């Protein structure tokens, strides 16, 4: 009976380790004092969360007069390629 309990606890611990979320939050931040109030900053990249290289699909959020940012969840170890655009 003790072996069964220990085995059950080991299995439960293994399931907890394997079910942990392997996502990582990445925050992209752009500082620019030369953009006007009417301009926006976008991110474009090789992932669907980054718009699949569509330059005006994913807009960053303006946090103050000169900072735009946005956070995304990506799989741990994923290779990302990206660039910032003004929508074109």
C-alpha atoms as a PDB file:
ATOM      1  CA  UNK A   1       0.000   0.000   0.000  1.00  0.00           C
ATOM      2  CA  UNK A   2       2.876   2.412   0.803  1.00  0.00           C
ATOM      3  CA  UNK A   3       4.395   1.814  -2.652  1.00  0.00           C
ATOM      4  CA  UNK A   4       1.065   2.652  -4.293  1.00  0.00           C
ATOM      5  CA  UNK A   5       0.774   5.921  -2.338  1.00  0.00           C
ATOM      6  CA  UNK A   6       4.366   6.915  -3.162  1.00  0.00           C
ATOM      7  CA  UNK A   7       3.816   6.022  -6.823  1.00  0.00           C
ATOM      8  CA  UNK A   8       0.581   8.047  -6.884  1.00  0.00           C
ATOM      9  CA  UNK A   9       2.326  11.057  -5.331  1.00  0.00           C
ATOM     10  CA  UNK A  10       5.193  10.799  -7.840  1.00  0.00           C
ATOM     11  CA  UNK A  11       2.700  10.627 -10.713  1.00  0.00           C
ATOM     12  CA  UNK A  12       0.793  13.659  -9.380  1.00  0.00           C
ATOM     13  CA  UNK A  13       4.051  15.619  -8.986  1.00  0.00           C
ATOM     14  CA  UNK A  14       5.102  14.645 -12.538  1.00  0.00           C
ATOM     15  CA  UNK A  15       1.745  15.846 -13.901  1.00  0.00           C
ATOM     16  CA  UNK A  16       2.143  19.179 -12.111  1.00  0.00           C
ATOM     17  CA  UNK A  17       5.612  19.652 -13.591  1.00  0.00           C
ATOM     18  CA  UNK A  18       4.501  18.701 -17.080  1.00  0.00           C
ATOM     19  CA  UNK A  19       1.385  20.839 -17.007  1.00  0.00           C
ATOM     20  CA  UNK A  20       3.205  24.034 -16.077  1.00  0.00           C
ATOM     21  CA  UNK A  21       2.709  26.760 -18.627  1.00  0.00           C
ATOM     22  CA  UNK A  22       5.747  27.100 -20.888  1.00  0.00           C
ATOM     23  CA  UNK A  23       4.612  30.514 -22.090  1.00  0.00           C
ATOM     24  CA  UNK A  24       6.680  33.611 -21.477  1.00  0.00           C
ATOM     25  CA  UNK A  25       5.435  37.178 -21.495  1.00  0.00           C
ATOM     26  CA  UNK A  26       7.432  39.489 -23.730  1.00  0.00           C
ATOM     27  CA  UNK A  27       6.868  43.232 -23.533  1.00  0.00           C
ATOM     28  CA  UNK A  28       7.878  45.355 -26.505  1.00  0.00           C
ATOM     29  CA  UNK A  29       8.521  49.035 -25.731  1.00  0.00           C
ATOM     30  CA  UNK A  30       9.282  51.848 -28.177  1.00  0.00           C
ATOM     31  CA  UNK A  31      10.554  55.267 -27.040  1.00  0.00           C
ATOM     32  CA  UNK A  32      10.281  58.053 -29.605  1.00  0.00           C
ATOM     33  CA  UNK A  33      10.025  61.782 -29.113  1.00  0.00           C
ATOM     34  CA  UNK A  34       9.812  62.575 -32.840  1.00  0.00           C
ATOM     35  CA  UNK A  35       6.374  61.072 -33.620  1.00  0.00           C
ATOM     36  CA  UNK A  36       3.353  63.369 -33.679  1.00  0.00           C
ATOM     37  CA  UNK A  37       0.245  62.783 -31.566  1.00  0.00           C
ATOM     38  CA  UNK A  38      -1.626  61.479 -34.597  1.00  0.00           C
ATOM     39  CA  UNK A  39       0.997  58.833 -35.453  1.00  0.00           C
ATOM     40  CA  UNK A  40       0.975  55.265 -34.147  1.00  0.00           C
ATOM     41  CA  UNK A  41       3.578  52.533 -33.744  1.00  0.00           C
ATOM     42  CA  UNK A  42       2.948  48.988 -34.958  1.00  0.00           C
ATOM     43  CA  UNK A  43       4.838  45.728 -34.574  1.00  0.00           C
ATOM     44  CA  UNK A  44       5.148  43.208 -37.363  1.00  0.00           C
ATOM     45  CA  UNK A  45       6.781  39.812 -37.182  1.00  0.00           C
ATOM     46  CA  UNK A  46       6.994  36.138 -37.999  1.00  0.00           C
ATOM     47  CA  UNK A  47       4.287  35.008 -35.548  1.00  0.00           C
ATOM     48  CA  UNK A  48       0.507  35.308 -35.818  1.00  0.00           C
ATOM     49  CA  UNK A  49       0.503  37.361 -32.591  1.00  0.00           C
ATOM     50  CA  UNK A  50       2.841  39.771 -34.356  1.00  0.00           C
ATOM     51  CA  UNK A  51       0.697  40.034 -37.475  1.00  0.00           C
ATOM     52  CA  UNK A  52       2.534  37.655 -39.837  1.00  0.00           C
ATOM     53  CA  UNK A  53       4.574  40.564 -41.266  1.00  0.00           C
ATOM     54  CA  UNK A  54       1.470  42.702 -41.909  1.00  0.00           C
ATOM     55  CA  UNK A  55       2.875  46.205 -41.115  1.00  0.00           C
ATOM     56  CA  UNK A  56      -0.389  47.786 -39.927  1.00  0.00           C
ATOM     57  CA  UNK A  57      -2.134  44.895 -38.162  1.00  0.00           C
ATOM     58  CA  UNK A  58      -0.810  45.008 -34.567  1.00  0.00           C
ATOM     59  CA  UNK A  59      -0.752  48.468 -33.007  1.00  0.00           C
ATOM     60  CA  UNK A  60       1.172  49.167 -29.820  1.00  0.00           C
ATOM     61  CA  UNK A  61      -0.590  51.002 -27.013  1.00  0.00           C
ATOM     62  CA  UNK A  62       0.481  54.579 -26.369  1.00  0.00           C
ATOM     63  CA  UNK A  63       1.333  54.873 -22.681  1.00  0.00           C
ATOM     64  CA  UNK A  64       2.457  58.507 -22.719  1.00  0.00           C
ATOM     65  CA  UNK A  65       3.649  61.158 -25.178  1.00  0.00           C
ATOM     66  CA  UNK A  66       6.740  59.247 -26.239  1.00  0.00           C
ATOM     67  CA  UNK A  67       6.249  55.577 -25.247  1.00  0.00           C
ATOM     68  CA  UNK A  68       4.303  52.797 -26.976  1.00  0.00           C
ATOM     69  CA  UNK A  69       4.210  49.234 -25.664  1.00  0.00           C
ATOM     70  CA  UNK A  70       2.410  45.907 -25.806  1.00  0.00           C
ATOM     71  CA  UNK A  71       2.851  42.507 -24.151  1.00  0.00           C
ATOM     72  CA  UNK A  72       2.400  39.079 -25.706  1.00  0.00           C
ATOM     73  CA  UNK A  73       2.623  35.466 -24.521  1.00  0.00           C
ATOM     74  CA  UNK A  74       4.989  33.247 -26.522  1.00  0.00           C
ATOM     75  CA  UNK A  75       6.122  29.656 -26.129  1.00  0.00           C
ATOM     76  CA  UNK A  76       9.412  29.333 -24.281  1.00  0.00           C
ATOM     77  CA  UNK A  77      12.241  28.971 -26.798  1.00  0.00           C
ATOM     78  CA  UNK A  78      10.271  30.322 -29.755  1.00  0.00           C
ATOM     79  CA  UNK A  79      12.415  32.253 -32.259  1.00  0.00           C
ATOM     80  CA  UNK A  80      10.937  35.653 -32.982  1.00  0.00           C
ATOM     81  CA  UNK A  81      11.691  38.095 -35.755  1.00  0.00           C
ATOM     82  CA  UNK A  82      10.040  41.492 -35.679  1.00  0.00           C
ATOM     83  CA  UNK A  83      10.234  45.115 -36.651  1.00  0.00           C
ATOM     84  CA  UNK A  84       8.426  48.289 -35.636  1.00  0.00           C
ATOM     85  CA  UNK A  85       6.580  50.308 -38.242  1.00  0.00           C
ATOM     86  CA  UNK A  86       4.354  53.356 -38.584  1.00  0.00           C
ATOM     87  CA  UNK A  87       1.807  51.193 -40.382  1.00  0.00           C
ATOM     88  CA  UNK A  88       3.445  50.921 -43.762  1.00  0.00           C
END
